[in-house]
Amino acid sequence: MMTPDAFDPAAYVAAVAPTVGLVLSPERQARVAQALALVARVAAPALHFPVPESAEPAAKSRP
């Protein structure tokens, strides 16, 4: 499982941006990597939540 400590957002952005057609300046690439690092830290606790094989997504979201 990916952990925020083992994830390199700068390397990920550098590798993925060209594959999806994005041309980012070095400054913009650094800002995107910072945002991605934050997303990884926020999402990390959810990745440790066990989800059973029988779990199904909700058909419709009703807040």
Protein backbone atom coordinates (compact mmCIF):
# COMPACT_ATOMS: atom_id res chain seq x y z
CA MET A 1 0.00 0.00 0.00
CA MET A 2 1.23 3.48 -0.82
CA THR A 3 2.14 5.65 2.14
CA PRO A 4 2.52 9.44 1.98
CA ASP A 5 6.13 9.06 3.15
CA ALA A 6 7.02 6.74 0.26
CA PHE A 7 5.12 8.75 -2.38
CA ASP A 8 7.16 11.21 -4.45
CA PRO A 9 4.63 13.74 -5.79
CA ALA A 10 7.24 15.70 -7.76
CA ALA A 11 8.34 12.58 -9.64
CA TYR A 12 4.71 11.59 -10.22
CA VAL A 13 3.78 15.00 -11.66
CA ALA A 14 6.90 15.03 -13.85
CA ALA A 15 6.04 11.59 -15.22
CA VAL A 16 2.29 11.97 -15.64
CA ALA A 17 1.88 15.54 -16.90
CA PRO A 18 3.34 14.85 -20.36
CA THR A 19 1.29 11.66 -20.75
CA VAL A 20 -1.94 13.64 -20.38
CA GLY A 21 -0.73 16.50 -22.57
CA LEU A 22 0.12 19.03 -19.86
CA VAL A 23 3.03 21.38 -20.32
CA LEU A 24 3.90 22.82 -16.92
CA SER A 25 6.56 25.37 -16.06
CA PRO A 26 8.92 24.25 -13.28
CA GLU A 27 7.18 26.62 -10.85
CA ARG A 28 3.73 25.30 -11.74
CA GLN A 29 4.95 21.72 -11.58
CA ALA A 30 6.24 22.36 -8.04
CA ARG A 31 2.87 23.85 -6.98
CA VAL A 32 0.96 20.90 -8.43
CA ALA A 33 3.31 18.51 -6.61
CA GLN A 34 2.71 20.37 -3.33
CA ALA A 35 -1.05 20.08 -3.78
CA LEU A 36 -0.75 16.39 -4.64
CA ALA A 37 1.35 15.79 -1.52
CA LEU A 38 -1.39 17.38 0.57
CA VAL A 39 -4.05 15.19 -1.08
CA ALA A 40 -1.95 12.09 -0.33
CA ARG A 41 -1.62 13.06 3.35
CA VAL A 42 -5.34 13.77 3.69
CA ALA A 43 -6.34 10.53 1.93
CA ALA A 44 -3.89 8.27 3.82
CA PRO A 45 -6.24 7.46 6.74
CA ALA A 46 -9.00 6.39 4.33
CA LEU A 47 -6.63 3.92 2.67
CA HIS A 48 -6.32 2.04 5.99
CA PHE A 49 -10.09 1.56 6.32
CA PRO A 50 -11.01 -2.05 5.49
CA VAL A 51 -13.57 -2.35 2.71
CA PRO A 52 -15.19 -5.76 2.33
CA GLU A 53 -15.30 -7.45 -1.08
CA SER A 54 -19.11 -7.30 -0.94
CA ALA A 55 -19.16 -3.48 -0.68
CA GLU A 56 -21.02 -1.76 -3.52
CA PRO A 57 -20.97 1.95 -4.40
CA ALA A 58 -24.15 3.90 -3.73
CA ALA A 59 -26.43 4.13 -6.76
CA LYS A 60 -27.25 7.75 -5.95
CA SER A 61 -25.69 10.21 -3.54
CA ARG A 62 -28.16 11.94 -1.26
CA PRO A 63 -26.41 14.44 1.03
